[in-house]
Amino acid sequence: MADEDSFRDKSGREFKFTSQDFKRVQKLIYDHAGISLSESKQELVYSRLSRRLRATGIRSFEEYLSLLEHDDEAEWEAFTNALTTNLTSFFRESHHFPILAEHMRKHTGHEPFAIWCSAASTGEEPFSIAMTAVDAFGSFTPPVTIIATDLDTNVLETAKAGVYPMARVEKLDPDLVKRFFLRGTGKQEGYVRVRKELRDMITFRQLNLLDNNWPIRSPLDVIFCRNVMIYFDKHTQLEILKKFVPLLRNDGLMFAGHSESFYHAEAYFKLRGKTVYELAAKAKTVSVPPSRRTDADSPALVQRGAGKP
């Protein structure tokens, strides 16, 4: 029987990976998820997709990419998950949350204050939003609904569970950890779990921002779209931003990532503060009017917690 080294190419790699293979990967992930991979990502792509070849038993990138091109649905999901970066933390870009709290406190309507977290990753961002809502309204049943979406189904499972290693909360204020997390015991020692009241405030769903139709009801008061646009080219960014416009209330806010700027979309959004955007004046004429709410009766968005903070 041939040993493992007999399968390695001249570069020492386990699998042959040509520039043509990389170009096929670039096209597949761009067409499917809008992600624009630069030439510098070749090693990262090889490393992550090699795991998929091992998992499937496929011995070449050529064969693996052909499988995708023939629309293997299950492997498409695994392929996309493998190439998705999910760096996040609780209260990341902390300057956003006081602004969010202030915007929440201005809420006087009878309908829930509606938030869409469009790149939820493993859940730290939507749970940070939920904690902010609890403190802003002084209740574990704030008039707030949160829908949290991500392209990666693996990270969404982590988010739904709300279980994290203690290291993920060590830098948070101890009082905040005490109020919003439960410490694990026994087999769960070394872990914390987000309180059920917070988990009940959030609906997690898989969503591709490139899809023609989003299962998101309007109008929204806030959209979080942080640190995901950097993976899209300017054209794709603009198309997504244009689709945000009719979902937002006229006074709605959009929060972006620290390395993102949308000057190319000034017809739709204008900068209000550090990585915080509001609708441009002309865009407000096509946004959902404040008087109309379509999500109040939606079980997908309206969740209830219990108790006080």
Protein backbone atom coordinates (compact mmCIF):
# COMPACT_ATOMS: atom_id res chain seq x y z
CA MET A 1 0.00 0.00 0.00
CA ALA A 2 1.28 3.45 -0.86
CA ASP A 3 2.12 5.61 2.14
CA GLU A 4 0.74 9.13 2.70
CA ASP A 5 3.80 10.83 1.17
CA SER A 6 3.02 9.24 -2.19
CA PHE A 7 -0.05 11.45 -2.39
CA ARG A 8 1.85 14.70 -1.82
CA ASP A 9 2.62 17.03 -4.72
CA LYS A 10 6.05 18.53 -5.41
CA SER A 11 5.37 21.47 -3.09
CA GLY A 12 4.99 19.08 -0.15
CA ARG A 13 1.24 19.58 -0.02
CA GLU A 14 -1.04 16.68 0.59
CA PHE A 15 -3.22 17.73 -2.35
CA LYS A 16 -2.35 19.34 -5.65
CA PHE A 17 -3.68 22.91 -5.67
CA THR A 18 -3.14 24.92 -8.83
CA SER A 19 -3.76 28.57 -9.64
CA GLN A 20 -6.65 27.38 -11.78
CA ASP A 21 -8.15 25.59 -8.76
CA PHE A 22 -7.89 28.81 -6.76
CA LYS A 23 -9.59 30.80 -9.53
CA ARG A 24 -12.45 28.29 -9.50
CA VAL A 25 -12.76 28.71 -5.72
CA GLN A 26 -12.75 32.49 -6.13
CA LYS A 27 -15.59 32.34 -8.64
CA LEU A 28 -17.66 29.81 -6.68
CA ILE A 29 -17.55 31.68 -3.37
CA TYR A 30 -18.09 35.05 -5.06
CA ASP A 31 -21.11 33.84 -7.02
CA HIS A 32 -22.59 32.08 -4.02
CA ALA A 33 -21.78 34.41 -1.12
CA GLY A 34 -20.35 37.59 -2.62
CA ILE A 35 -17.03 37.00 -0.86
CA SER A 36 -14.11 38.43 -2.81
CA LEU A 37 -10.93 36.42 -2.17
CA SER A 38 -7.66 38.19 -2.89
CA GLU A 39 -4.64 36.37 -4.31
CA SER A 40 -3.04 36.52 -0.86
CA LYS A 41 -5.68 34.08 0.44
CA GLN A 42 -4.44 31.06 -1.51
CA GLU A 43 -2.75 29.38 1.46
CA LEU A 44 -5.75 30.03 3.69
CA VAL A 45 -8.08 28.54 1.08
CA TYR A 46 -5.87 25.49 0.66
CA SER A 47 -5.68 24.92 4.41
CA ARG A 48 -9.42 25.21 5.02
CA LEU A 49 -10.61 23.26 1.99
CA SER A 50 -8.07 20.50 2.49
CA ARG A 51 -10.12 19.55 5.56
CA ARG A 52 -13.17 19.14 3.33
CA LEU A 53 -11.24 16.87 0.96
CA ARG A 54 -10.19 14.69 3.88
CA ALA A 55 -13.73 14.66 5.29
CA THR A 56 -15.25 13.62 1.96
CA GLY A 57 -12.48 11.23 0.96
CA ILE A 58 -11.93 13.14 -2.28
CA ARG A 59 -8.31 13.09 -3.42
CA SER A 60 -8.10 16.21 -5.63
CA PHE A 61 -9.31 19.78 -5.66
CA GLU A 62 -10.39 19.33 -9.26
CA GLU A 63 -12.81 16.56 -8.28
CA TYR A 64 -14.00 18.44 -5.18
CA LEU A 65 -14.76 21.66 -7.07
CA SER A 66 -16.57 19.68 -9.76
CA LEU A 67 -18.78 18.28 -7.02
CA LEU A 68 -19.71 21.82 -6.02
CA GLU A 69 -20.32 22.86 -9.60
CA HIS A 70 -22.83 20.03 -9.85
CA ASP A 71 -24.78 21.59 -6.96
CA ASP A 72 -24.14 19.21 -4.09
CA GLU A 73 -26.27 21.13 -1.55
CA ALA A 74 -24.80 19.62 1.60
CA GLU A 75 -21.24 20.23 0.49
CA TRP A 76 -22.05 23.79 -0.59
CA GLU A 77 -22.94 24.51 3.01
CA ALA A 78 -19.71 22.95 4.28
CA PHE A 79 -17.67 24.77 1.60
CA THR A 80 -19.16 28.13 2.56
CA ASN A 81 -18.71 27.49 6.27
CA ALA A 82 -15.06 26.59 5.70
CA LEU A 83 -14.30 29.87 3.94
CA THR A 84 -16.21 32.12 6.33
CA THR A 85 -14.22 34.04 8.95
CA ASN A 86 -16.02 34.46 12.28
CA LEU A 87 -13.91 36.68 14.52
CA THR A 88 -16.11 38.28 17.17
CA SER A 89 -16.36 39.10 20.88
CA PHE A 90 -18.81 40.49 23.41
CA PHE A 91 -19.24 44.27 23.11
CA ARG A 92 -16.77 44.45 20.25
CA GLU A 93 -16.46 48.07 19.05
CA SER A 94 -17.84 49.16 22.39
CA HIS A 95 -18.59 52.75 21.32
CA HIS A 96 -21.65 51.48 19.44
CA PHE A 97 -23.57 50.26 22.45
CA PRO A 98 -24.14 53.57 24.29
CA ILE A 99 -25.41 54.98 20.98
CA LEU A 100 -27.72 51.99 20.62
CA ALA A 101 -28.97 52.40 24.20
CA GLU A 102 -29.72 56.08 23.64
CA HIS A 103 -31.60 55.27 20.45
CA MET A 104 -33.61 52.63 22.30
CA ARG A 105 -34.58 55.03 25.08
CA LYS A 106 -36.12 57.36 22.51
CA HIS A 107 -38.47 54.57 21.53
CA THR A 108 -42.03 55.54 22.44
CA GLY A 109 -44.04 53.49 19.96
CA HIS A 110 -46.39 50.64 20.77
CA GLU A 111 -44.53 48.25 18.48
CA PRO A 112 -41.33 46.45 19.53
CA PHE A 113 -38.02 48.15 18.80
CA ALA A 114 -36.75 45.94 15.97
CA ILE A 115 -33.07 45.10 15.40
CA TRP A 116 -31.43 42.97 12.73
CA CYS A 117 -27.95 41.64 13.44
CA SER A 118 -26.95 40.55 9.93
CA ALA A 119 -23.61 38.86 10.70
CA ALA A 120 -24.28 37.15 14.02
CA SER A 121 -21.36 34.70 13.94
CA THR A 122 -21.21 32.71 17.21
CA GLY A 123 -23.67 35.03 18.94
CA GLU A 124 -21.58 37.47 20.95
CA GLU A 125 -22.88 40.45 18.99
CA PRO A 126 -26.64 39.77 19.30
CA PHE A 127 -26.24 38.85 22.96
CA SER A 128 -24.39 42.14 23.54
CA ILE A 129 -27.34 43.89 21.88
CA ALA A 130 -29.76 42.00 24.15
CA MET A 131 -27.81 42.97 27.28
CA THR A 132 -27.84 46.59 26.13
CA ALA A 133 -31.62 46.40 25.68
CA VAL A 134 -32.15 44.98 29.16
CA ASP A 135 -30.13 47.80 30.72
CA ALA A 136 -31.69 50.49 28.52
CA PHE A 137 -35.23 49.55 29.55
CA GLY A 138 -34.45 48.25 33.04
CA SER A 139 -36.20 44.95 32.40
CA PHE A 140 -35.57 41.45 31.14
CA THR A 141 -38.71 41.93 29.03
CA PRO A 142 -37.74 45.03 27.04
CA PRO A 143 -39.96 46.02 24.10
CA VAL A 144 -37.24 44.82 21.72
CA THR A 145 -37.04 42.10 19.09
CA ILE A 146 -33.75 40.88 17.67
CA ILE A 147 -33.28 38.74 14.61
CA ALA A 148 -29.73 37.46 14.17
CA THR A 149 -28.59 35.90 10.92
CA ASP A 150 -25.42 34.48 9.44
CA LEU A 151 -24.37 32.59 6.36
CA ASP A 152 -22.47 29.98 8.40
CA THR A 153 -24.76 27.34 9.88
CA ASN A 154 -22.06 26.01 12.24
CA VAL A 155 -21.61 29.28 14.09
CA LEU A 156 -25.37 29.73 14.33
CA GLU A 157 -25.62 26.47 16.29
CA THR A 158 -23.08 27.84 18.77
CA ALA A 159 -25.03 31.10 18.96
CA LYS A 160 -28.32 29.33 19.64
CA ALA A 161 -26.78 27.35 22.50
CA GLY A 162 -25.28 30.48 24.07
CA VAL A 163 -22.49 28.49 25.76
CA TYR A 164 -18.96 29.93 25.83
CA PRO A 165 -15.62 29.20 27.48
CA MET A 166 -14.96 31.37 30.55
CA ALA A 167 -12.11 33.02 28.65
CA ARG A 168 -14.66 34.72 26.38
CA VAL A 169 -16.12 36.73 29.28
CA GLU A 170 -13.03 37.32 31.43
CA LYS A 171 -12.58 40.89 30.15
CA LEU A 172 -16.20 41.84 30.84
CA ASP A 173 -17.29 43.68 33.96
CA PRO A 174 -17.78 41.04 36.72
CA ASP A 175 -21.20 42.49 37.58
CA LEU A 176 -22.31 42.10 33.98
CA VAL A 177 -21.13 38.47 33.95
CA LYS A 178 -22.99 37.83 37.21
CA ARG A 179 -26.24 39.29 35.90
CA PHE A 180 -26.28 37.85 32.40
CA PHE A 181 -24.43 34.51 32.53
CA LEU A 182 -24.72 31.23 34.41
CA ARG A 183 -21.50 29.48 35.41
CA GLY A 184 -21.18 25.83 34.48
CA THR A 185 -20.65 23.06 37.02
CA GLY A 186 -19.55 19.46 36.68
CA LYS A 187 -18.93 18.64 33.04
CA GLN A 188 -19.71 22.26 32.16
CA GLU A 189 -17.14 23.71 34.54
CA GLY A 190 -15.04 26.33 32.76
CA TYR A 191 -17.99 27.44 30.64
CA VAL A 192 -20.76 30.01 30.98
CA ARG A 193 -24.21 30.13 29.42
CA VAL A 194 -26.16 33.22 28.51
CA ARG A 195 -29.33 33.53 30.59
CA LYS A 196 -32.47 32.12 29.02
CA GLU A 197 -34.19 35.53 29.13
CA LEU A 198 -31.59 36.86 26.69
CA ARG A 199 -31.70 33.78 24.48
CA ASP A 200 -35.47 34.12 24.27
CA MET A 201 -35.12 37.69 22.95
CA ILE A 202 -33.28 36.53 19.83
CA THR A 203 -34.34 34.58 16.76
CA PHE A 204 -31.40 32.99 14.93
CA ARG A 205 -31.67 32.18 11.21
CA GLN A 206 -29.40 31.26 8.35
CA LEU A 207 -29.35 33.98 5.71
CA ASN A 208 -27.20 34.77 2.70
CA LEU A 209 -26.95 38.53 2.10
CA LEU A 210 -26.77 37.77 -1.63
CA ASP A 211 -30.20 36.12 -1.65
CA ASN A 212 -32.82 37.98 -3.65
CA ASN A 213 -35.36 37.76 -0.85
CA TRP A 214 -34.59 38.16 2.83
CA PRO A 215 -36.98 36.79 5.49
CA ILE A 216 -36.74 40.09 7.36
CA ARG A 217 -39.85 42.07 8.23
CA SER A 218 -39.84 45.84 8.22
CA PRO A 219 -39.60 48.48 9.45
CA LEU A 220 -36.41 48.04 11.45
CA ASP A 221 -35.06 50.53 13.95
CA VAL A 222 -31.46 49.32 13.73
CA ILE A 223 -29.32 47.17 11.45
CA PHE A 224 -25.98 45.82 12.62
CA CYS A 225 -23.81 44.93 9.63
CA ARG A 226 -20.34 44.94 11.11
CA ASN A 227 -17.14 43.47 9.72
CA VAL A 228 -18.80 41.55 6.91
CA MET A 229 -18.82 44.12 4.10
CA ILE A 230 -15.01 44.00 4.01
CA TYR A 231 -15.33 40.62 2.30
CA PHE A 232 -17.41 42.07 -0.55
CA ASP A 233 -16.33 44.23 -3.47
CA LYS A 234 -17.79 47.74 -3.80
CA HIS A 235 -20.48 46.68 -6.26
CA THR A 236 -21.76 43.93 -3.96
CA GLN A 237 -21.62 46.27 -0.96
CA LEU A 238 -23.73 48.82 -2.78
CA GLU A 239 -26.35 46.27 -3.79
CA ILE A 240 -26.71 45.10 -0.18
CA LEU A 241 -26.86 48.64 1.19
CA LYS A 242 -29.58 49.55 -1.30
CA LYS A 243 -31.64 46.62 -0.01
CA PHE A 244 -31.21 47.83 3.57
CA VAL A 245 -32.86 51.17 2.78
CA PRO A 246 -36.54 50.11 2.51
CA LEU A 247 -36.19 48.01 5.68
CA LEU A 248 -35.18 50.90 7.94
CA ARG A 249 -37.36 53.49 9.61
CA ASN A 250 -36.61 57.04 8.54
CA ASP A 251 -34.75 57.61 11.82
CA GLY A 252 -33.15 54.15 11.82
CA LEU A 253 -29.44 53.53 12.33
CA MET A 254 -26.94 51.19 10.71
CA PHE A 255 -23.81 50.15 12.57
CA ALA A 256 -20.76 49.21 10.49
CA GLY A 257 -17.36 47.72 11.30
CA HIS A 258 -14.29 49.72 12.26
CA SER A 259 -12.55 49.15 8.93
CA GLU A 260 -15.61 49.75 6.75
CA SER A 261 -16.73 52.97 5.08
CA PHE A 262 -19.59 53.54 2.67
CA TYR A 263 -18.79 56.81 0.94
CA HIS A 264 -19.65 55.12 -2.34
CA ALA A 265 -23.22 54.75 -1.03
CA GLU A 266 -23.77 58.38 -0.04
CA ALA A 267 -27.02 58.44 -2.02
CA TYR A 268 -28.40 55.92 0.50
CA PHE A 269 -26.52 56.39 3.78
CA LYS A 270 -24.68 59.24 5.44
CA LEU A 271 -22.17 59.03 8.26
CA ARG A 272 -23.63 60.11 11.58
CA GLY A 273 -20.72 59.25 13.85
CA LYS A 274 -17.83 56.81 14.10
CA THR A 275 -18.99 53.89 11.90
CA VAL A 276 -22.64 54.77 12.58
CA TYR A 277 -24.83 55.59 9.59
CA GLU A 278 -28.31 56.96 9.04
CA LEU A 279 -30.42 57.18 5.91
CA ALA A 280 -29.50 59.91 3.45
CA ALA A 281 -32.19 62.53 2.92
CA LYS A 282 -33.13 61.25 -0.54
CA ALA A 283 -33.24 57.65 0.68
CA LYS A 284 -35.83 58.51 3.31
CA THR A 285 -38.41 59.13 0.61
CA VAL A 286 -38.33 55.42 -0.27
CA SER A 287 -37.90 53.93 3.21
CA VAL A 288 -40.74 52.43 5.21
CA PRO A 289 -42.76 55.23 6.89
CA PRO A 290 -42.62 55.27 10.71
CA SER A 291 -46.35 54.67 11.00
CA ARG A 292 -46.25 51.22 9.37
CA ARG A 293 -45.14 48.12 11.24
CA THR A 294 -45.46 44.65 9.76
CA ASP A 295 -43.55 42.54 12.25
CA ALA A 296 -45.65 43.01 15.39
CA ASP A 297 -47.49 39.72 14.95
CA SER A 298 -44.57 37.73 13.61
CA PRO A 299 -43.57 34.82 15.89
CA ALA A 300 -40.22 34.79 14.13
CA LEU A 301 -39.38 38.20 15.51
CA VAL A 302 -41.45 38.73 18.66
CA GLN A 303 -40.01 36.77 21.56
CA ARG A 304 -40.65 37.24 25.27
CA GLY A 305 -38.33 36.93 28.26
CA ALA A 306 -39.15 37.13 31.95
CA GLY A 307 -38.06 38.88 35.14
CA LYS A 308 -36.06 42.01 35.83
CA PRO A 309 -32.34 42.67 35.48
